[in-house]
N, C-alpha and C. Protein backbone atom coordinates (compact mmCIF):
# COMPACT_ATOMS: atom_id res chain seq x y z
N MET A 1 0.79 -1.32 -0.36
CA MET A 1 0.20 0.17 -0.13
C MET A 1 1.41 1.35 0.02
N ASP A 2 0.96 1.84 -0.68
CA ASP A 2 1.02 3.20 -0.85
C ASP A 2 0.81 4.68 -0.05
N MET A 3 1.58 5.58 0.73
CA MET A 3 1.25 6.05 1.85
C MET A 3 1.68 7.65 1.74
N ILE A 4 1.54 8.30 2.43
CA ILE A 4 2.04 9.84 2.29
C ILE A 4 1.74 9.91 3.94
N LYS A 5 2.65 11.26 4.52
CA LYS A 5 2.29 11.32 5.25
C LYS A 5 1.20 12.85 5.43
N LEU A 6 0.50 13.02 6.30
CA LEU A 6 -0.12 14.38 6.13
C LEU A 6 -1.23 14.72 7.52
N ASN A 7 -0.06 15.26 7.83
CA ASN A 7 -0.42 16.08 9.38
C ASN A 7 0.32 15.10 10.31
N ASN A 8 1.84 14.43 9.77
CA ASN A 8 2.17 13.42 11.00
C ASN A 8 1.75 11.92 10.94
N ARG A 9 0.42 11.75 9.80
CA ARG A 9 -0.31 10.23 10.01
C ARG A 9 -0.06 9.66 8.93
N ASP A 10 -0.02 8.43 9.21
CA ASP A 10 -0.39 7.87 7.64
C ASP A 10 -1.69 7.95 6.95
N TYR A 11 -1.30 8.23 5.56
CA TYR A 11 -2.33 8.53 4.80
C TYR A 11 -2.37 7.57 3.47
N GLU A 12 -3.71 7.08 2.71
CA GLU A 12 -3.39 6.22 1.78
C GLU A 12 -3.37 7.27 0.23
N TRP A 13 -1.78 6.78 -0.34
CA TRP A 13 -1.62 7.60 -1.32
C TRP A 13 -2.62 7.14 -2.71
N GLU A 14 -2.93 7.85 -3.59
CA GLU A 14 -3.83 7.23 -4.83
C GLU A 14 -2.89 7.98 -6.23
N GLU A 15 -2.74 7.58 -6.99
CA GLU A 15 -2.09 8.13 -8.44
C GLU A 15 -2.91 8.82 -8.76
N GLY A 16 -2.12 10.33 -9.09
CA GLY A 16 -2.94 11.56 -9.27
C GLY A 16 -3.31 12.42 -8.39
N LEU A 17 -2.98 12.23 -7.10
CA LEU A 17 -3.96 13.01 -6.02
C LEU A 17 -2.77 14.49 -6.19
N THR A 18 -4.16 15.48 -6.22
CA THR A 18 -3.80 16.57 -6.12
C THR A 18 -3.83 17.54 -4.81
N VAL A 19 -3.05 18.48 -4.72
CA VAL A 19 -3.59 18.98 -3.32
C VAL A 19 -5.14 19.65 -3.11
N ARG A 20 -5.66 19.66 -4.31
CA ARG A 20 -6.80 20.29 -4.19
C ARG A 20 -7.87 19.09 -4.16
N ARG A 21 -7.22 17.83 -4.76
CA ARG A 21 -8.62 16.50 -4.92
C ARG A 21 -8.16 16.37 -3.22
N LEU A 22 -6.96 16.25 -2.50
CA LEU A 22 -6.96 15.94 -0.46
C LEU A 22 -7.62 16.72 -0.12
N LEU A 23 -7.72 17.81 -0.19
CA LEU A 23 -8.42 19.02 0.76
C LEU A 23 -10.01 18.56 0.52
N GLN A 24 -10.60 17.99 -0.66
CA GLN A 24 -12.33 17.54 -0.80
C GLN A 24 -12.32 16.29 -0.32
N LYS A 25 -11.29 15.73 -0.14
CA LYS A 25 -11.56 14.33 0.22
C LYS A 25 -11.44 14.42 1.90
N GLU A 26 -10.67 15.41 2.39
CA GLU A 26 -10.80 15.32 4.06
C GLU A 26 -11.59 16.18 4.45
N THR A 27 -12.00 16.94 3.41
CA THR A 27 -13.16 18.05 3.73
C THR A 27 -12.55 19.10 4.95
N PHE A 28 -11.67 19.72 4.70
CA PHE A 28 -10.79 21.15 5.10
C PHE A 28 -12.05 21.75 4.79
N THR A 29 -12.18 22.53 5.94
CA THR A 29 -13.69 23.59 5.77
C THR A 29 -13.30 24.91 5.92
N TYR A 30 -11.96 25.50 6.55
CA TYR A 30 -11.64 26.92 6.82
C TYR A 30 -11.21 27.24 5.56
N PRO A 31 -11.22 28.12 5.49
CA PRO A 31 -11.45 29.81 4.55
C PRO A 31 -10.19 29.60 4.07
N ARG A 32 -9.24 30.30 4.99
CA ARG A 32 -7.82 30.09 4.57
C ARG A 32 -6.56 28.46 5.35
N LEU A 33 -6.05 28.32 4.51
CA LEU A 33 -5.30 26.90 4.32
C LEU A 33 -3.56 27.21 4.38
N ILE A 34 -2.81 26.69 4.60
CA ILE A 34 -1.41 26.62 4.73
C ILE A 34 -0.91 25.16 4.22
N VAL A 35 -0.45 24.85 2.75
CA VAL A 35 -0.72 23.73 2.22
C VAL A 35 1.65 23.33 2.40
N LYS A 36 1.96 22.45 2.62
CA LYS A 36 3.30 22.32 2.31
C LYS A 36 3.49 21.08 2.22
N ILE A 37 4.49 20.58 1.37
CA ILE A 37 4.56 19.29 0.89
C ILE A 37 6.16 19.18 1.00
N ASN A 38 6.82 18.73 1.77
CA ASN A 38 8.18 18.55 2.38
C ASN A 38 8.50 19.54 2.74
N ASN A 39 7.96 20.39 3.21
CA ASN A 39 8.55 21.55 4.05
C ASN A 39 8.24 22.86 2.72
N VAL A 40 7.55 22.45 2.23
CA VAL A 40 7.80 23.53 0.92
C VAL A 40 6.43 24.30 0.38
N LEU A 41 6.06 24.99 0.70
CA LEU A 41 5.07 25.91 0.69
C LEU A 41 4.10 25.83 -1.03
N VAL A 42 3.32 25.47 -0.90
CA VAL A 42 1.78 25.33 -2.09
C VAL A 42 1.83 26.66 -2.15
N PRO A 43 1.90 27.67 -3.25
CA PRO A 43 0.75 28.80 -3.13
C PRO A 43 -0.83 28.00 -3.80
N ASP A 44 -1.55 29.22 -3.01
CA ASP A 44 -3.11 28.45 -3.12
C ASP A 44 -3.61 28.34 -4.78
N GLU A 45 -2.92 29.19 -5.80
CA GLU A 45 -3.42 29.21 -6.96
C GLU A 45 -2.83 27.64 -7.87
N GLU A 46 -1.89 27.15 -6.87
CA GLU A 46 -0.99 25.55 -7.49
C GLU A 46 -1.84 24.88 -6.72
N PHE A 47 -3.02 24.75 -5.83
CA PHE A 47 -3.34 23.78 -5.32
C PHE A 47 -3.92 22.40 -6.12
N GLU A 48 -4.68 22.99 -7.51
CA GLU A 48 -5.35 22.28 -8.38
C GLU A 48 -4.10 21.48 -9.70
N SER A 49 -2.97 21.94 -9.49
CA SER A 49 -2.06 21.83 -10.66
C SER A 49 -1.09 21.09 -9.77
N THR A 50 -0.84 21.04 -8.49
CA THR A 50 0.54 20.35 -7.60
C THR A 50 0.30 19.07 -7.42
N VAL A 51 0.76 17.73 -7.86
CA VAL A 51 0.83 16.72 -7.58
C VAL A 51 1.28 15.85 -6.57
N ILE A 52 0.63 15.25 -5.48
CA ILE A 52 1.05 14.82 -4.56
C ILE A 52 1.91 13.45 -5.03
N ARG A 53 3.10 13.03 -4.47
CA ARG A 53 3.81 11.84 -4.72
C ARG A 53 3.84 11.13 -4.07
N ASP A 54 4.01 9.57 -3.91
CA ASP A 54 4.06 8.70 -2.92
C ASP A 54 5.23 8.66 -2.05
N GLY A 55 4.87 8.97 -0.48
CA GLY A 55 6.02 8.78 0.21
C GLY A 55 5.85 10.38 0.88
N ASP A 56 5.34 11.31 0.09
CA ASP A 56 5.88 12.92 0.61
C ASP A 56 5.71 12.67 2.05
N ASP A 57 5.48 14.19 2.60
CA ASP A 57 5.14 14.38 3.99
C ASP A 57 4.29 15.99 3.30
N VAL A 58 2.97 15.85 4.03
CA VAL A 58 2.01 16.54 3.27
C VAL A 58 1.56 17.40 5.25
N LYS A 59 1.65 18.93 4.91
CA LYS A 59 1.40 19.39 6.42
C LYS A 59 0.02 20.67 5.86
N VAL A 60 -1.21 20.65 6.72
CA VAL A 60 -2.37 21.26 6.20
C VAL A 60 -2.59 22.35 7.03
N ILE A 61 -2.52 23.57 7.01
CA ILE A 61 -1.95 24.18 9.05
C ILE A 61 -3.35 25.52 8.12
N HIS A 62 -4.55 25.29 9.33
CA HIS A 62 -5.52 26.20 9.64
C HIS A 62 -4.81 27.40 10.17
N LEU A 63 -5.03 28.68 9.54
CA LEU A 63 -4.53 29.91 9.82
C LEU A 63 -6.41 30.35 10.41
N LEU A 64 -5.91 30.41 11.56
CA LEU A 64 -7.63 31.67 12.64
C LEU A 64 -7.16 33.28 12.82
N ALA A 65 -7.92 33.76 12.44
CA ALA A 65 -8.05 35.04 13.07
C ALA A 65 -7.76 35.42 14.30
N GLY A 66 -8.10 35.86 15.49
CA GLY A 66 -8.22 36.29 16.72
C GLY A 66 -8.36 37.87 16.97
N GLY A 67 -8.18 37.77 18.40
CA GLY A 67 -8.00 39.35 18.70
C GLY A 67 -8.54 39.21 20.38
């Protein structure tokens, strides 16, 4: 079974998995997300075209406003 790390947990990888598809599958609902793959920032406008590869370490971080 092919795997990636998603926020430090094993996650089943599939061929052609993009950042956008991963966010949809996991139903991340916060309007502002930061995504890093192997510690490299992925800009929002590249979520659709950035493919996650087997073995990648993916971090999805929710930005929250406070005050």
